[in-house]
Amino acid sequence: VDGWRFAVSDANGTSRFPRAVLSFEQV
């Protein structure tokens, strides 16, 4: 399962993952 997220990285290096986790079985 590949994930992509468009976001702004801040100075603290906060990780911006996709906001939902879907398993292979779900997709």
mmCIF file of all heavy atoms, coordinates in Angstrom:
data_MODEL
# 
_entry.id   MODEL 
# 
loop_
_atom_site.group_PDB 
_atom_site.id 
_atom_site.type_symbol 
_atom_site.label_atom_id 
_atom_site.label_alt_id 
_atom_site.label_comp_id 
_atom_site.label_asym_id 
_atom_site.label_entity_id 
_atom_site.label_seq_id 
_atom_site.pdbx_PDB_ins_code 
_atom_site.Cartn_x 
_atom_site.Cartn_y 
_atom_site.Cartn_z 
_atom_site.occupancy 
_atom_site.B_iso_or_equiv 
_atom_site.pdbx_formal_charge 
_atom_site.auth_seq_id 
_atom_site.auth_comp_id 
_atom_site.auth_asym_id 
_atom_site.auth_atom_id 
_atom_site.pdbx_PDB_model_num 
ATOM 1   N N   . VAL A 1 1  ? 0.858   -1.183 0.000  1.00 0.00 ? 1  VAL A N   1 
ATOM 2   C CA  . VAL A 1 1  ? 0.000   0.000  0.000  1.00 0.00 ? 1  VAL A CA  1 
ATOM 3   C C   . VAL A 1 1  ? 0.897   1.237  0.000  1.00 0.00 ? 1  VAL A C   1 
ATOM 4   O O   . VAL A 1 1  ? 1.739   1.402  0.886  1.00 0.00 ? 1  VAL A O   1 
ATOM 5   C CB  . VAL A 1 1  ? -0.936  0.046  1.227  1.00 0.00 ? 1  VAL A CB  1 
ATOM 6   C CG1 . VAL A 1 1  ? -1.802  1.305  1.180  1.00 0.00 ? 1  VAL A CG1 1 
ATOM 7   C CG2 . VAL A 1 1  ? -1.817  -1.196 1.291  1.00 0.00 ? 1  VAL A CG2 1 
ATOM 8   N N   . ASP A 1 2  ? 0.739   2.081  -1.015 1.00 0.00 ? 2  ASP A N   1 
ATOM 9   C CA  . ASP A 1 2  ? 1.475   3.346  -1.116 1.00 0.00 ? 2  ASP A CA  1 
ATOM 10  C C   . ASP A 1 2  ? 0.603   4.483  -0.592 1.00 0.00 ? 2  ASP A C   1 
ATOM 11  O O   . ASP A 1 2  ? -0.629  4.462  -0.747 1.00 0.00 ? 2  ASP A O   1 
ATOM 12  C CB  . ASP A 1 2  ? 1.853   3.647  -2.568 1.00 0.00 ? 2  ASP A CB  1 
ATOM 13  C CG  . ASP A 1 2  ? 3.013   2.792  -3.061 1.00 0.00 ? 2  ASP A CG  1 
ATOM 14  O OD1 . ASP A 1 2  ? 3.608   2.080  -2.243 1.00 0.00 ? 2  ASP A OD1 1 
ATOM 15  O OD2 . ASP A 1 2  ? 3.312   2.851  -4.272 1.00 0.00 ? 2  ASP A OD2 1 
ATOM 16  N N   . GLY A 1 3  ? 1.257   5.483  0.018  1.00 0.00 ? 3  GLY A N   1 
ATOM 17  C CA  . GLY A 1 3  ? 0.535   6.641  0.510  1.00 0.00 ? 3  GLY A CA  1 
ATOM 18  C C   . GLY A 1 3  ? 1.192   7.936  0.071  1.00 0.00 ? 3  GLY A C   1 
ATOM 19  O O   . GLY A 1 3  ? 2.416   8.016  -0.029 1.00 0.00 ? 3  GLY A O   1 
ATOM 20  N N   . TRP A 1 4  ? 0.377   8.949  -0.188 1.00 0.00 ? 4  TRP A N   1 
ATOM 21  C CA  . TRP A 1 4  ? 0.865   10.267 -0.583 1.00 0.00 ? 4  TRP A CA  1 
ATOM 22  C C   . TRP A 1 4  ? 0.121   11.330 0.222  1.00 0.00 ? 4  TRP A C   1 
ATOM 23  O O   . TRP A 1 4  ? -1.067  11.192 0.499  1.00 0.00 ? 4  TRP A O   1 
ATOM 24  C CB  . TRP A 1 4  ? 0.643   10.505 -2.078 1.00 0.00 ? 4  TRP A CB  1 
ATOM 25  C CG  . TRP A 1 4  ? 1.506   9.649  -2.956 1.00 0.00 ? 4  TRP A CG  1 
ATOM 26  C CD1 . TRP A 1 4  ? 1.237   8.376  -3.384 1.00 0.00 ? 4  TRP A CD1 1 
ATOM 27  C CD2 . TRP A 1 4  ? 2.774   9.987  -3.499 1.00 0.00 ? 4  TRP A CD2 1 
ATOM 28  N NE1 . TRP A 1 4  ? 2.260   7.907  -4.161 1.00 0.00 ? 4  TRP A NE1 1 
ATOM 29  C CE2 . TRP A 1 4  ? 3.225   8.885  -4.255 1.00 0.00 ? 4  TRP A CE2 1 
ATOM 30  C CE3 . TRP A 1 4  ? 3.571   11.128 -3.433 1.00 0.00 ? 4  TRP A CE3 1 
ATOM 31  C CZ2 . TRP A 1 4  ? 4.437   8.884  -4.929 1.00 0.00 ? 4  TRP A CZ2 1 
ATOM 32  C CZ3 . TRP A 1 4  ? 4.783   11.128 -4.104 1.00 0.00 ? 4  TRP A CZ3 1 
ATOM 33  C CH2 . TRP A 1 4  ? 5.208   10.021 -4.845 1.00 0.00 ? 4  TRP A CH2 1 
ATOM 34  N N   . ARG A 1 5  ? 0.861   12.386 0.604  1.00 0.00 ? 5  ARG A N   1 
ATOM 35  C CA  . ARG A 1 5  ? 0.250   13.465 1.377  1.00 0.00 ? 5  ARG A CA  1 
ATOM 36  C C   . ARG A 1 5  ? 0.837   14.805 0.933  1.00 0.00 ? 5  ARG A C   1 
ATOM 37  O O   . ARG A 1 5  ? 2.058   14.975 0.852  1.00 0.00 ? 5  ARG A O   1 
ATOM 38  C CB  . ARG A 1 5  ? 0.533   13.265 2.865  1.00 0.00 ? 5  ARG A CB  1 
ATOM 39  C CG  . ARG A 1 5  ? 0.190   14.469 3.752  1.00 0.00 ? 5  ARG A CG  1 
ATOM 40  C CD  . ARG A 1 5  ? -1.308  14.735 3.839  1.00 0.00 ? 5  ARG A CD  1 
ATOM 41  N NE  . ARG A 1 5  ? -1.594  16.003 4.502  1.00 0.00 ? 5  ARG A NE  1 
ATOM 42  C CZ  . ARG A 1 5  ? -1.652  16.181 5.812  1.00 0.00 ? 5  ARG A CZ  1 
ATOM 43  N NH1 . ARG A 1 5  ? -1.436  15.156 6.632  1.00 0.00 ? 5  ARG A NH1 1 
ATOM 44  N NH2 . ARG A 1 5  ? -1.941  17.368 6.301  1.00 0.00 ? 5  ARG A NH2 1 
ATOM 45  N N   . PHE A 1 6  ? -0.059  15.753 0.646  1.00 0.00 ? 6  PHE A N   1 
ATOM 46  C CA  . PHE A 1 6  ? 0.357   17.109 0.315  1.00 0.00 ? 6  PHE A CA  1 
ATOM 47  C C   . PHE A 1 6  ? 0.218   17.956 1.573  1.00 0.00 ? 6  PHE A C   1 
ATOM 48  O O   . PHE A 1 6  ? -0.847  18.004 2.196  1.00 0.00 ? 6  PHE A O   1 
ATOM 49  C CB  . PHE A 1 6  ? -0.517  17.677 -0.806 1.00 0.00 ? 6  PHE A CB  1 
ATOM 50  C CG  . PHE A 1 6  ? -0.054  19.015 -1.306 1.00 0.00 ? 6  PHE A CG  1 
ATOM 51  C CD1 . PHE A 1 6  ? 1.060   19.118 -2.121 1.00 0.00 ? 6  PHE A CD1 1 
ATOM 52  C CD2 . PHE A 1 6  ? -0.732  20.183 -0.969 1.00 0.00 ? 6  PHE A CD2 1 
ATOM 53  C CE1 . PHE A 1 6  ? 1.500   20.347 -2.591 1.00 0.00 ? 6  PHE A CE1 1 
ATOM 54  C CE2 . PHE A 1 6  ? -0.315  21.415 -1.431 1.00 0.00 ? 6  PHE A CE2 1 
ATOM 55  C CZ  . PHE A 1 6  ? 0.807   21.491 -2.247 1.00 0.00 ? 6  PHE A CZ  1 
ATOM 56  N N   . ALA A 1 7  ? 1.296   18.612 1.983  1.00 0.00 ? 7  ALA A N   1 
ATOM 57  C CA  . ALA A 1 7  ? 1.268   19.365 3.242  1.00 0.00 ? 7  ALA A CA  1 
ATOM 58  C C   . ALA A 1 7  ? 2.398   20.373 3.274  1.00 0.00 ? 7  ALA A C   1 
ATOM 59  O O   . ALA A 1 7  ? 3.274   20.405 2.405  1.00 0.00 ? 7  ALA A O   1 
ATOM 60  C CB  . ALA A 1 7  ? 1.355   18.415 4.431  1.00 0.00 ? 7  ALA A CB  1 
ATOM 61  N N   . VAL A 1 8  ? 2.380   21.178 4.329  1.00 0.00 ? 8  VAL A N   1 
ATOM 62  C CA  . VAL A 1 8  ? 3.439   22.138 4.604  1.00 0.00 ? 8  VAL A CA  1 
ATOM 63  C C   . VAL A 1 8  ? 4.306   21.584 5.728  1.00 0.00 ? 8  VAL A C   1 
ATOM 64  O O   . VAL A 1 8  ? 3.794   21.251 6.799  1.00 0.00 ? 8  VAL A O   1 
ATOM 65  C CB  . VAL A 1 8  ? 2.859   23.505 5.009  1.00 0.00 ? 8  VAL A CB  1 
ATOM 66  C CG1 . VAL A 1 8  ? 3.978   24.459 5.427  1.00 0.00 ? 8  VAL A CG1 1 
ATOM 67  C CG2 . VAL A 1 8  ? 2.063   24.109 3.866  1.00 0.00 ? 8  VAL A CG2 1 
ATOM 68  N N   . SER A 1 9  ? 5.587   21.478 5.471  1.00 0.00 ? 9  SER A N   1 
ATOM 69  C CA  . SER A 1 9  ? 6.510   21.049 6.526  1.00 0.00 ? 9  SER A CA  1 
ATOM 70  C C   . SER A 1 9  ? 6.891   22.280 7.343  1.00 0.00 ? 9  SER A C   1 
ATOM 71  O O   . SER A 1 9  ? 7.203   23.330 6.790  1.00 0.00 ? 9  SER A O   1 
ATOM 72  C CB  . SER A 1 9  ? 7.763   20.415 5.918  1.00 0.00 ? 9  SER A CB  1 
ATOM 73  O OG  . SER A 1 9  ? 8.510   21.384 5.211  1.00 0.00 ? 9  SER A OG  1 
ATOM 74  N N   . ASP A 1 10 ? 6.846   22.136 8.653  1.00 0.00 ? 10 ASP A N   1 
ATOM 75  C CA  . ASP A 1 10 ? 7.182   23.299 9.478  1.00 0.00 ? 10 ASP A CA  1 
ATOM 76  C C   . ASP A 1 10 ? 8.622   23.206 9.972  1.00 0.00 ? 10 ASP A C   1 
ATOM 77  O O   . ASP A 1 10 ? 9.341   22.233 9.716  1.00 0.00 ? 10 ASP A O   1 
ATOM 78  C CB  . ASP A 1 10 ? 6.216   23.454 10.650 1.00 0.00 ? 10 ASP A CB  1 
ATOM 79  C CG  . ASP A 1 10 ? 6.197   22.218 11.539 1.00 0.00 ? 10 ASP A CG  1 
ATOM 80  O OD1 . ASP A 1 10 ? 7.181   21.455 11.536 1.00 0.00 ? 10 ASP A OD1 1 
ATOM 81  O OD2 . ASP A 1 10 ? 5.190   22.013 12.233 1.00 0.00 ? 10 ASP A OD2 1 
ATOM 82  N N   . ALA A 1 11 ? 9.055   24.212 10.680 1.00 0.00 ? 11 ALA A N   1 
ATOM 83  C CA  . ALA A 1 11 ? 10.448  24.274 11.136 1.00 0.00 ? 11 ALA A CA  1 
ATOM 84  C C   . ALA A 1 11 ? 10.773  23.198 12.145 1.00 0.00 ? 11 ALA A C   1 
ATOM 85  O O   . ALA A 1 11 ? 11.941  22.861 12.350 1.00 0.00 ? 11 ALA A O   1 
ATOM 86  C CB  . ALA A 1 11 ? 10.720  25.648 11.744 1.00 0.00 ? 11 ALA A CB  1 
ATOM 87  N N   . ASN A 1 12 ? 9.751   22.611 12.776 1.00 0.00 ? 12 ASN A N   1 
ATOM 88  C CA  . ASN A 1 12 ? 9.991   21.578 13.771 1.00 0.00 ? 12 ASN A CA  1 
ATOM 89  C C   . ASN A 1 12 ? 10.098  20.185 13.161 1.00 0.00 ? 12 ASN A C   1 
ATOM 90  O O   . ASN A 1 12 ? 10.284  19.212 13.880 1.00 0.00 ? 12 ASN A O   1 
ATOM 91  C CB  . ASN A 1 12 ? 8.862   21.584 14.813 1.00 0.00 ? 12 ASN A CB  1 
ATOM 92  C CG  . ASN A 1 12 ? 8.809   22.894 15.571 1.00 0.00 ? 12 ASN A CG  1 
ATOM 93  O OD1 . ASN A 1 12 ? 9.848   23.478 15.877 1.00 0.00 ? 12 ASN A OD1 1 
ATOM 94  N ND2 . ASN A 1 12 ? 7.604   23.364 15.865 1.00 0.00 ? 12 ASN A ND2 1 
ATOM 95  N N   . GLY A 1 13 ? 9.939   20.109 11.848 1.00 0.00 ? 13 GLY A N   1 
ATOM 96  C CA  . GLY A 1 13 ? 10.059  18.814 11.179 1.00 0.00 ? 13 GLY A CA  1 
ATOM 97  C C   . GLY A 1 13 ? 8.897   17.877 11.454 1.00 0.00 ? 13 GLY A C   1 
ATOM 98  O O   . GLY A 1 13 ? 9.058   16.652 11.470 1.00 0.00 ? 13 GLY A O   1 
ATOM 99  N N   . THR A 1 14 ? 7.707   18.424 11.688 1.00 0.00 ? 14 THR A N   1 
ATOM 100 C CA  . THR A 1 14 ? 6.532   17.604 11.961 1.00 0.00 ? 14 THR A CA  1 
ATOM 101 C C   . THR A 1 14 ? 6.197   16.731 10.757 1.00 0.00 ? 14 THR A C   1 
ATOM 102 O O   . THR A 1 14 ? 6.117   17.207 9.630  1.00 0.00 ? 14 THR A O   1 
ATOM 103 C CB  . THR A 1 14 ? 5.325   18.496 12.301 1.00 0.00 ? 14 THR A CB  1 
ATOM 104 O OG1 . THR A 1 14 ? 5.661   19.327 13.416 1.00 0.00 ? 14 THR A OG1 1 
ATOM 105 C CG2 . THR A 1 14 ? 4.113   17.656 12.644 1.00 0.00 ? 14 THR A CG2 1 
ATOM 106 N N   . SER A 1 15 ? 6.003   15.429 11.012 1.00 0.00 ? 15 SER A N   1 
ATOM 107 C CA  . SER A 1 15 ? 5.677   14.500 9.939  1.00 0.00 ? 15 SER A CA  1 
ATOM 108 C C   . SER A 1 15 ? 4.212   14.658 9.556  1.00 0.00 ? 15 SER A C   1 
ATOM 109 O O   . SER A 1 15 ? 3.329   14.710 10.425 1.00 0.00 ? 15 SER A O   1 
ATOM 110 C CB  . SER A 1 15 ? 5.944   13.058 10.378 1.00 0.00 ? 15 SER A CB  1 
ATOM 111 O OG  . SER A 1 15 ? 7.313   12.878 10.686 1.00 0.00 ? 15 SER A OG  1 
ATOM 112 N N   . ARG A 1 16 ? 3.951   14.737 8.270  1.00 0.00 ? 16 ARG A N   1 
ATOM 113 C CA  . ARG A 1 16 ? 2.593   14.869 7.776  1.00 0.00 ? 16 ARG A CA  1 
ATOM 114 C C   . ARG A 1 16 ? 2.252   13.636 6.940  1.00 0.00 ? 16 ARG A C   1 
ATOM 115 O O   . ARG A 1 16 ? 2.379   13.625 5.730  1.00 0.00 ? 16 ARG A O   1 
ATOM 116 C CB  . ARG A 1 16 ? 2.440   16.143 6.948  1.00 0.00 ? 16 ARG A CB  1 
ATOM 117 C CG  . ARG A 1 16 ? 2.669   17.425 7.738  1.00 0.00 ? 16 ARG A CG  1 
ATOM 118 C CD  . ARG A 1 16 ? 1.595   17.636 8.794  1.00 0.00 ? 16 ARG A CD  1 
ATOM 119 N NE  . ARG A 1 16 ? 1.801   18.895 9.515  1.00 0.00 ? 16 ARG A NE  1 
ATOM 120 C CZ  . ARG A 1 16 ? 1.019   19.315 10.499 1.00 0.00 ? 16 ARG A CZ  1 
ATOM 121 N NH1 . ARG A 1 16 ? -0.003  18.570 10.903 1.00 0.00 ? 16 ARG A NH1 1 
ATOM 122 N NH2 . ARG A 1 16 ? 1.268   20.465 11.098 1.00 0.00 ? 16 ARG A NH2 1 
ATOM 123 N N   . PHE A 1 17 ? 1.821   12.577 7.636  1.00 0.00 ? 17 PHE A N   1 
ATOM 124 C CA  . PHE A 1 17 ? 1.443   11.350 6.957  1.00 0.00 ? 17 PHE A CA  1 
ATOM 125 C C   . PHE A 1 17 ? 0.018   11.483 6.408  1.00 0.00 ? 17 PHE A C   1 
ATOM 126 O O   . PHE A 1 17 ? -0.729  12.387 6.811  1.00 0.00 ? 17 PHE A O   1 
ATOM 127 C CB  . PHE A 1 17 ? 1.495   10.173 7.931  1.00 0.00 ? 17 PHE A CB  1 
ATOM 128 C CG  . PHE A 1 17 ? 2.853   9.926  8.517  1.00 0.00 ? 17 PHE A CG  1 
ATOM 129 C CD1 . PHE A 1 17 ? 3.068   10.097 9.875  1.00 0.00 ? 17 PHE A CD1 1 
ATOM 130 C CD2 . PHE A 1 17 ? 3.919   9.541  7.723  1.00 0.00 ? 17 PHE A CD2 1 
ATOM 131 C CE1 . PHE A 1 17 ? 4.321   9.869  10.429 1.00 0.00 ? 17 PHE A CE1 1 
ATOM 132 C CE2 . PHE A 1 17 ? 5.163   9.314  8.263  1.00 0.00 ? 17 PHE A CE2 1 
ATOM 133 C CZ  . PHE A 1 17 ? 5.371   9.479  9.620  1.00 0.00 ? 17 PHE A CZ  1 
ATOM 134 N N   . PRO A 1 18 ? -0.392  10.590 5.495  1.00 0.00 ? 18 PRO A N   1 
ATOM 135 C CA  . PRO A 1 18 ? -1.809  10.552 5.124  1.00 0.00 ? 18 PRO A CA  1 
ATOM 136 C C   . PRO A 1 18 ? -2.658  10.412 6.381  1.00 0.00 ? 18 PRO A C   1 
ATOM 137 O O   . PRO A 1 18 ? -2.311  9.669  7.302  1.00 0.00 ? 18 PRO A O   1 
ATOM 138 C CB  . PRO A 1 18 ? -1.893  9.309  4.220  1.00 0.00 ? 18 PRO A CB  1 
ATOM 139 C CG  . PRO A 1 18 ? -0.520  9.189  3.622  1.00 0.00 ? 18 PRO A CG  1 
ATOM 140 C CD  . PRO A 1 18 ? 0.417   9.625  4.711  1.00 0.00 ? 18 PRO A CD  1 
ATOM 141 N N   . ARG A 1 19 ? -3.779  11.123 6.413  1.00 0.00 ? 19 ARG A N   1 
ATOM 142 C CA  . ARG A 1 19 ? -4.560  11.209 7.644  1.00 0.00 ? 19 ARG A CA  1 
ATOM 143 C C   . ARG A 1 19 ? -5.461  10.008 7.885  1.00 0.00 ? 19 ARG A C   1 
ATOM 144 O O   . ARG A 1 19 ? -6.236  9.995  8.841  1.00 0.00 ? 19 ARG A O   1 
ATOM 145 C CB  . ARG A 1 19 ? -5.385  12.491 7.629  1.00 0.00 ? 19 ARG A CB  1 
ATOM 146 C CG  . ARG A 1 19 ? -4.549  13.760 7.746  1.00 0.00 ? 19 ARG A CG  1 
ATOM 147 C CD  . ARG A 1 19 ? -5.394  14.987 7.501  1.00 0.00 ? 19 ARG A CD  1 
ATOM 148 N NE  . ARG A 1 19 ? -5.809  15.074 6.102  1.00 0.00 ? 19 ARG A NE  1 
ATOM 149 C CZ  . ARG A 1 19 ? -6.736  15.894 5.649  1.00 0.00 ? 19 ARG A CZ  1 
ATOM 150 N NH1 . ARG A 1 19 ? -7.375  16.702 6.490  1.00 0.00 ? 19 ARG A NH1 1 
ATOM 151 N NH2 . ARG A 1 19 ? -7.043  15.922 4.357  1.00 0.00 ? 19 ARG A NH2 1 
ATOM 152 N N   . ALA A 1 20 ? -5.369  8.995  7.065  1.00 0.00 ? 20 ALA A N   1 
ATOM 153 C CA  . ALA A 1 20 ? -6.112  7.754  7.273  1.00 0.00 ? 20 ALA A CA  1 
ATOM 154 C C   . ALA A 1 20 ? -5.208  6.582  6.916  1.00 0.00 ? 20 ALA A C   1 
ATOM 155 O O   . ALA A 1 20 ? -4.392  6.677  5.996  1.00 0.00 ? 20 ALA A O   1 
ATOM 156 C CB  . ALA A 1 20 ? -7.378  7.728  6.421  1.00 0.00 ? 20 ALA A CB  1 
ATOM 157 N N   . VAL A 1 21 ? -5.334  5.507  7.667  1.00 0.00 ? 21 VAL A N   1 
ATOM 158 C CA  . VAL A 1 21 ? -4.573  4.286  7.400  1.00 0.00 ? 21 VAL A CA  1 
ATOM 159 C C   . VAL A 1 21 ? -5.549  3.226  6.897  1.00 0.00 ? 21 VAL A C   1 
ATOM 160 O O   . VAL A 1 21 ? -6.484  2.851  7.611  1.00 0.00 ? 21 VAL A O   1 
ATOM 161 C CB  . VAL A 1 21 ? -3.856  3.782  8.666  1.00 0.00 ? 21 VAL A CB  1 
ATOM 162 C CG1 . VAL A 1 21 ? -3.172  2.447  8.387  1.00 0.00 ? 21 VAL A CG1 1 
ATOM 163 C CG2 . VAL A 1 21 ? -2.832  4.808  9.140  1.00 0.00 ? 21 VAL A CG2 1 
ATOM 164 N N   . LEU A 1 22 ? -5.350  2.772  5.674  1.00 0.00 ? 22 LEU A N   1 
ATOM 165 C CA  . LEU A 1 22 ? -6.183  1.730  5.088  1.00 0.00 ? 22 LEU A CA  1 
ATOM 166 C C   . LEU A 1 22 ? -5.308  0.529  4.753  1.00 0.00 ? 22 LEU A C   1 
ATOM 167 O O   . LEU A 1 22 ? -4.251  0.680  4.130  1.00 0.00 ? 22 LEU A O   1 
ATOM 168 C CB  . LEU A 1 22 ? -6.882  2.215  3.817  1.00 0.00 ? 22 LEU A CB  1 
ATOM 169 C CG  . LEU A 1 22 ? -8.176  3.026  3.997  1.00 0.00 ? 22 LEU A CG  1 
ATOM 170 C CD1 . LEU A 1 22 ? -7.852  4.445  4.471  1.00 0.00 ? 22 LEU A CD1 1 
ATOM 171 C CD2 . LEU A 1 22 ? -8.968  3.084  2.699  1.00 0.00 ? 22 LEU A CD2 1 
ATOM 172 N N   . SER A 1 23 ? -5.729  -0.634 5.160  1.00 0.00 ? 23 SER A N   1 
ATOM 173 C CA  . SER A 1 23 ? -4.966  -1.842 4.894  1.00 0.00 ? 23 SER A CA  1 
ATOM 174 C C   . SER A 1 23 ? -5.175  -2.289 3.451  1.00 0.00 ? 23 SER A C   1 
ATOM 175 O O   . SER A 1 23 ? -6.083  -1.814 2.750  1.00 0.00 ? 23 SER A O   1 
ATOM 176 C CB  . SER A 1 23 ? -5.408  -2.957 5.848  1.00 0.00 ? 23 SER A CB  1 
ATOM 177 O OG  . SER A 1 23 ? -6.760  -3.339 5.565  1.00 0.00 ? 23 SER A OG  1 
ATOM 178 N N   . PHE A 1 24 ? -4.357  -3.241 3.035  1.00 0.00 ? 24 PHE A N   1 
ATOM 179 C CA  . PHE A 1 24 ? -4.495  -3.777 1.677  1.00 0.00 ? 24 PHE A CA  1 
ATOM 180 C C   . PHE A 1 24 ? -5.858  -4.436 1.508  1.00 0.00 ? 24 PHE A C   1 
ATOM 181 O O   . PHE A 1 24 ? -6.485  -4.316 0.446  1.00 0.00 ? 24 PHE A O   1 
ATOM 182 C CB  . PHE A 1 24 ? -3.379  -4.784 1.400  1.00 0.00 ? 24 PHE A CB  1 
ATOM 183 C CG  . PHE A 1 24 ? -3.479  -5.451 0.052  1.00 0.00 ? 24 PHE A CG  1 
ATOM 184 C CD1 . PHE A 1 24 ? -3.074  -4.794 -1.086 1.00 0.00 ? 24 PHE A CD1 1 
ATOM 185 C CD2 . PHE A 1 24 ? -4.001  -6.732 -0.061 1.00 0.00 ? 24 PHE A CD2 1 
ATOM 186 C CE1 . PHE A 1 24 ? -3.187  -5.397 -2.339 1.00 0.00 ? 24 PHE A CE1 1 
ATOM 187 C CE2 . PHE A 1 24 ? -4.107  -7.349 -1.297 1.00 0.00 ? 24 PHE A CE2 1 
ATOM 188 C CZ  . PHE A 1 24 ? -3.697  -6.682 -2.438 1.00 0.00 ? 24 PHE A CZ  1 
ATOM 189 N N   . GLU A 1 25 ? -6.331  -5.126 2.534  1.00 0.00 ? 25 GLU A N   1 
ATOM 190 C CA  . GLU A 1 25 ? -7.631  -5.791 2.451  1.00 0.00 ? 25 GLU A CA  1 
ATOM 191 C C   . GLU A 1 25 ? -8.751  -4.774 2.282  1.00 0.00 ? 25 GLU A C   1 
ATOM 192 O O   . GLU A 1 25 ? -9.713  -5.010 1.541  1.00 0.00 ? 25 GLU A O   1 
ATOM 193 C CB  . GLU A 1 25 ? -7.870  -6.635 3.707  1.00 0.00 ? 25 GLU A CB  1 
ATOM 194 C CG  . GLU A 1 25 ? -7.018  -7.888 3.807  1.00 0.00 ? 25 GLU A CG  1 
ATOM 195 C CD  . GLU A 1 25 ? -5.558  -7.591 4.115  1.00 0.00 ? 25 GLU A CD  1 
ATOM 196 O OE1 . GLU A 1 25 ? -5.277  -6.480 4.645  1.00 0.00 ? 25 GLU A OE1 1 
ATOM 197 O OE2 . GLU A 1 25 ? -4.703  -8.442 3.826  1.00 0.00 ? 25 GLU A OE2 1 
ATOM 198 N N   . GLN A 1 26 ? -8.628  -3.622 2.951  1.00 0.00 ? 26 GLN A N   1 
ATOM 199 C CA  . GLN A 1 26 ? -9.655  -2.600 2.820  1.00 0.00 ? 26 GLN A CA  1 
ATOM 200 C C   . GLN A 1 26 ? -9.663  -1.975 1.433  1.00 0.00 ? 26 GLN A C   1 
ATOM 201 O O   . GLN A 1 26 ? -10.729 -1.660 0.890  1.00 0.00 ? 26 GLN A O   1 
ATOM 202 C CB  . GLN A 1 26 ? -9.443  -1.506 3.868  1.00 0.00 ? 26 GLN A CB  1 
ATOM 203 C CG  . GLN A 1 26 ? -9.750  -1.942 5.292  1.00 0.00 ? 26 GLN A CG  1 
ATOM 204 C CD  . GLN A 1 26 ? -9.410  -0.859 6.299  1.00 0.00 ? 26 GLN A CD  1 
ATOM 205 O OE1 . GLN A 1 26 ? -8.261  -0.429 6.395  1.00 0.00 ? 26 GLN A OE1 1 
ATOM 206 N NE2 . GLN A 1 26 ? -10.398 -0.413 7.050  1.00 0.00 ? 26 GLN A NE2 1 
ATOM 207 N N   . VAL A 1 27 ? -8.491  -1.804 0.849  1.00 0.00 ? 27 VAL A N   1 
ATOM 208 C CA  . VAL A 1 27 ? -8.403  -1.114 -0.445 1.00 0.00 ? 27 VAL A CA  1 
ATOM 209 C C   . VAL A 1 27 ? -8.591  -2.079 -1.611 1.00 0.00 ? 27 VAL A C   1 
ATOM 210 O O   . VAL A 1 27 ? -9.272  -1.757 -2.588 1.00 0.00 ? 27 VAL A O   1 
ATOM 211 C CB  . VAL A 1 27 ? -7.053  -0.379 -0.576 1.00 0.00 ? 27 VAL A CB  1 
ATOM 212 C CG1 . VAL A 1 27 ? -6.970  0.350  -1.902 1.00 0.00 ? 27 VAL A CG1 1 
ATOM 213 C CG2 . VAL A 1 27 ? -6.859  0.595  0.568  1.00 0.00 ? 27 VAL A CG2 1 
# 
